Amino acid sequence: MNDAPASPDLAALSLALITSRHSVSPKRLVAPGPGAAQLQALVEAAGCAPDHELLRPWRLLRIADTQRDALADVFEAALLERVPEADANARGMAREKAYRAPVLLLAVARLLPAHEDVPESERYVALGAALQNLLLAAHGQGYAAMLTSGHALRTAHFERAFGLREGERAACFVSIGTPTGVKRRQRPSAHELIADWAPPGLR
């Protein structure tokens, strides 16, 4: 095991990669997207995330280009499950979401089998770490990406359409592609995110 500290160059590269990454709306992601070998590398990067007890508490599903019409059907049906009176415009907007971004993945959280040392919250943390690895790796490849969710993912029709098993929850979609524009938002400063702990009796 190598306990040597990271080189200054690696530390600088890591911070540069992390701090320069921005989410880009799926509407602004166009072809080309990652090829098969690149996508494999992204998934392997996700697999490097922390995984307490090696439970693999998440999995990814890829929606192929030839499956976008079927996904549009799922989005429309999920909308009608929630809003039976949805008009043609709303249904069209729901369907349109299926055709955004050249690479589209669904992230699924796996909450079973239960483990006394790994609560559900920790499994979601593991999934979040995996997704951040994937986002950073995509950024390093020159692509942009974004995580999106929505009401559709929480419908019974969506769960059936994606064959979710007992204890599985659809967490979000991952859209990846070439950005046509980046809307940068202001990042919080460190002092807004961290404070010193005050032990009981000293607060």
Protein backbone atom coordinates (compact mmCIF):
# COMPACT_ATOMS: atom_id res chain seq x y z
CA MET A 1 0.00 0.00 0.00
CA ASN A 2 1.35 3.38 -1.03
CA ASP A 3 0.82 5.97 1.72
CA ALA A 4 2.84 8.67 -0.01
CA PRO A 5 0.99 11.99 -0.37
CA ALA A 6 -0.29 12.97 -3.79
CA SER A 7 2.05 15.03 -5.90
CA PRO A 8 1.39 18.78 -6.12
CA ASP A 9 0.58 18.35 -9.81
CA LEU A 10 -2.07 15.71 -9.08
CA ALA A 11 -3.59 17.81 -6.29
CA ALA A 12 -3.79 20.85 -8.55
CA LEU A 13 -5.27 18.79 -11.39
CA SER A 14 -7.90 17.30 -9.08
CA LEU A 15 -8.98 20.69 -7.77
CA ALA A 16 -9.03 22.16 -11.27
CA LEU A 17 -11.26 19.33 -12.50
CA ILE A 18 -13.66 19.64 -9.58
CA THR A 19 -13.93 23.42 -9.46
CA SER A 20 -14.33 23.85 -13.23
CA ARG A 21 -17.22 21.37 -13.56
CA HIS A 22 -20.68 22.83 -14.12
CA SER A 23 -23.99 21.16 -14.78
CA VAL A 24 -25.39 21.79 -18.27
CA SER A 25 -29.10 21.38 -19.00
CA PRO A 26 -29.99 18.34 -21.15
CA LYS A 27 -31.54 20.84 -23.59
CA ARG A 28 -28.02 22.16 -24.25
CA LEU A 29 -26.30 18.80 -24.63
CA VAL A 30 -25.77 17.66 -28.23
CA ALA A 31 -23.85 14.99 -30.11
CA PRO A 32 -21.27 13.71 -29.92
CA GLY A 33 -21.57 12.01 -26.59
CA PRO A 34 -19.23 9.47 -25.02
CA GLY A 35 -18.58 6.39 -27.14
CA ALA A 36 -18.75 2.85 -25.80
CA ALA A 37 -15.19 2.80 -24.45
CA GLN A 38 -15.56 6.24 -22.91
CA LEU A 39 -18.85 5.30 -21.28
CA GLN A 40 -17.24 2.17 -19.85
CA ALA A 41 -14.53 4.35 -18.32
CA LEU A 42 -17.18 6.63 -16.80
CA VAL A 43 -19.00 3.70 -15.21
CA GLU A 44 -15.74 2.29 -13.87
CA ALA A 45 -15.02 5.70 -12.33
CA ALA A 46 -18.43 5.56 -10.66
CA GLY A 47 -17.53 2.13 -9.31
CA CYS A 48 -14.57 3.66 -7.43
CA ALA A 49 -16.94 5.44 -5.02
CA PRO A 50 -17.11 4.45 -1.33
CA ASP A 51 -19.19 1.32 -0.76
CA HIS A 52 -19.54 0.29 2.90
CA GLU A 53 -19.71 -3.51 3.18
CA LEU A 54 -19.41 -3.76 -0.62
CA LEU A 55 -23.19 -3.86 -1.07
CA ARG A 56 -23.16 -2.17 -4.49
CA PRO A 57 -26.19 -0.09 -3.46
CA TRP A 58 -26.84 1.31 -6.94
CA ARG A 59 -26.94 0.39 -10.60
CA LEU A 60 -27.19 2.24 -13.91
CA LEU A 61 -29.48 1.63 -16.88
CA ARG A 62 -28.58 2.99 -20.31
CA ILE A 63 -31.35 4.18 -22.62
CA ALA A 64 -30.25 3.53 -26.20
CA ASP A 65 -31.02 5.87 -29.09
CA THR A 66 -33.46 3.32 -30.49
CA GLN A 67 -35.37 3.33 -27.19
CA ARG A 68 -36.14 7.03 -27.01
CA ASP A 69 -39.64 6.60 -28.50
CA ALA A 70 -40.40 3.97 -25.87
CA LEU A 71 -39.10 6.32 -23.15
CA ALA A 72 -41.35 9.09 -24.49
CA ASP A 73 -44.29 6.70 -24.12
CA VAL A 74 -43.25 6.06 -20.51
CA PHE A 75 -43.03 9.78 -19.74
CA GLU A 76 -46.46 10.41 -21.25
CA ALA A 77 -48.05 7.49 -19.40
CA ALA A 78 -46.42 8.61 -16.13
CA LEU A 79 -47.86 12.10 -16.64
CA LEU A 80 -51.35 10.70 -17.25
CA GLU A 81 -51.05 8.56 -14.13
CA ARG A 82 -50.53 11.74 -12.11
CA VAL A 83 -52.68 14.12 -14.18
CA PRO A 84 -55.35 12.19 -16.12
CA GLU A 85 -56.70 15.44 -17.61
CA ALA A 86 -53.31 16.54 -19.04
CA ASP A 87 -53.81 18.22 -22.41
CA ALA A 88 -51.95 17.54 -25.65
CA ASN A 89 -49.42 20.30 -24.97
CA ALA A 90 -48.47 18.91 -21.57
CA ARG A 91 -48.23 15.41 -22.98
CA GLY A 92 -46.01 16.66 -25.80
CA MET A 93 -43.71 18.41 -23.32
CA ALA A 94 -43.45 15.20 -21.29
CA ARG A 95 -42.54 13.20 -24.40
CA GLU A 96 -39.95 15.73 -25.56
CA LYS A 97 -37.80 15.09 -22.49
CA ALA A 98 -37.00 11.61 -23.80
CA TYR A 99 -35.00 12.97 -26.74
CA ARG A 100 -32.55 15.22 -24.92
CA ALA A 101 -28.79 14.54 -24.66
CA PRO A 102 -26.96 11.92 -26.75
CA VAL A 103 -26.23 9.66 -23.74
CA LEU A 104 -28.91 9.04 -21.14
CA LEU A 105 -28.60 6.85 -18.04
CA LEU A 106 -30.99 6.09 -15.20
CA ALA A 107 -29.43 5.82 -11.74
CA VAL A 108 -31.19 3.34 -9.46
CA ALA A 109 -30.64 3.10 -5.70
CA ARG A 110 -30.65 -0.43 -4.23
CA LEU A 111 -31.93 -0.43 -0.64
CA LEU A 112 -32.11 -4.21 -0.16
CA PRO A 113 -30.92 -6.50 1.28
CA ALA A 114 -31.06 -4.70 4.59
CA HIS A 115 -27.84 -4.40 6.56
CA GLU A 116 -27.68 -3.26 10.16
CA ASP A 117 -24.51 -1.26 9.56
CA VAL A 118 -25.58 0.39 6.30
CA PRO A 119 -28.82 2.42 6.56
CA GLU A 120 -30.73 3.68 3.54
CA SER A 121 -29.26 7.16 3.93
CA GLU A 122 -25.74 5.79 3.58
CA ARG A 123 -26.70 3.96 0.39
CA TYR A 124 -27.92 7.18 -1.15
CA VAL A 125 -24.67 8.85 -0.11
CA ALA A 126 -22.78 6.05 -1.90
CA LEU A 127 -24.88 6.59 -5.03
CA GLY A 128 -24.23 10.33 -4.87
CA ALA A 129 -20.49 9.73 -4.60
CA ALA A 130 -20.64 7.37 -7.58
CA LEU A 131 -22.54 9.91 -9.66
CA GLN A 132 -20.10 12.68 -8.79
CA ASN A 133 -17.24 10.43 -9.90
CA LEU A 134 -19.06 9.87 -13.18
CA LEU A 135 -19.76 13.59 -13.68
CA LEU A 136 -16.14 14.51 -13.02
CA ALA A 137 -14.86 11.80 -15.34
CA ALA A 138 -17.20 13.01 -18.10
CA HIS A 139 -15.93 16.56 -17.56
CA GLY A 140 -12.38 15.28 -17.83
CA GLN A 141 -13.27 13.70 -21.18
CA GLY A 142 -14.48 17.06 -22.45
CA TYR A 143 -18.21 16.44 -22.06
CA ALA A 144 -20.83 18.09 -19.87
CA ALA A 145 -23.56 16.42 -17.89
CA MET A 146 -26.45 16.98 -15.53
CA LEU A 147 -28.57 15.02 -13.06
CA THR A 148 -32.34 15.40 -13.42
CA SER A 149 -35.30 13.80 -11.71
CA GLY A 150 -38.99 14.72 -11.63
CA HIS A 151 -42.40 13.39 -10.70
CA ALA A 152 -42.37 10.75 -13.44
CA LEU A 153 -39.69 8.72 -11.65
CA ARG A 154 -41.97 8.26 -8.65
CA THR A 155 -44.93 6.79 -10.51
CA ALA A 156 -45.95 3.14 -10.56
CA HIS A 157 -45.90 3.12 -14.37
CA PHE A 158 -42.30 4.29 -14.45
CA GLU A 159 -41.21 1.64 -11.93
CA ARG A 160 -42.91 -1.10 -13.99
CA ALA A 161 -41.50 0.17 -17.28
CA PHE A 162 -37.93 0.05 -15.95
CA GLY A 163 -38.40 -3.25 -14.16
CA LEU A 164 -37.41 -1.90 -10.76
CA ARG A 165 -37.13 -4.65 -8.19
CA GLU A 166 -38.26 -4.72 -4.59
CA GLY A 167 -36.24 -2.20 -2.61
CA GLU A 168 -35.09 -0.27 -5.69
CA ARG A 169 -35.78 3.42 -6.27
CA ALA A 170 -35.22 5.46 -9.41
CA ALA A 171 -32.96 8.28 -8.21
CA CYS A 172 -32.29 10.41 -11.28
CA PHE A 173 -31.35 10.52 -14.93
CA VAL A 174 -27.79 11.31 -16.01
CA SER A 175 -27.60 13.24 -19.28
CA ILE A 176 -24.20 13.48 -21.00
CA GLY A 177 -23.11 15.19 -24.19
CA THR A 178 -21.27 18.07 -25.80
CA PRO A 179 -22.32 21.42 -24.31
CA THR A 180 -23.66 24.20 -26.50
CA GLY A 181 -23.54 26.66 -23.63
CA VAL A 182 -22.65 26.72 -19.94
CA LYS A 183 -24.65 28.78 -17.46
CA ARG A 184 -22.28 29.21 -14.54
CA ARG A 185 -23.75 29.79 -11.11
CA GLN A 186 -22.03 31.32 -8.14
CA ARG A 187 -20.45 28.76 -5.84
CA PRO A 188 -20.61 29.07 -2.04
CA SER A 189 -17.41 29.98 -0.25
CA ALA A 190 -15.81 27.64 2.27
CA HIS A 191 -16.87 29.69 5.29
CA GLU A 192 -20.51 29.25 4.26
CA LEU A 193 -20.15 25.46 4.30
CA ILE A 194 -18.07 24.64 7.37
CA ALA A 195 -18.09 25.62 11.04
CA ASP A 196 -16.24 24.47 14.15
CA TRP A 197 -18.06 22.01 16.37
CA ALA A 198 -19.13 23.27 19.76
CA PRO A 199 -19.37 20.37 22.26
CA PRO A 200 -22.44 20.22 24.51
CA GLY A 201 -22.13 22.68 27.37
CA LEU A 202 -19.97 25.09 25.35
CA ARG A 203 -22.64 26.32 22.98
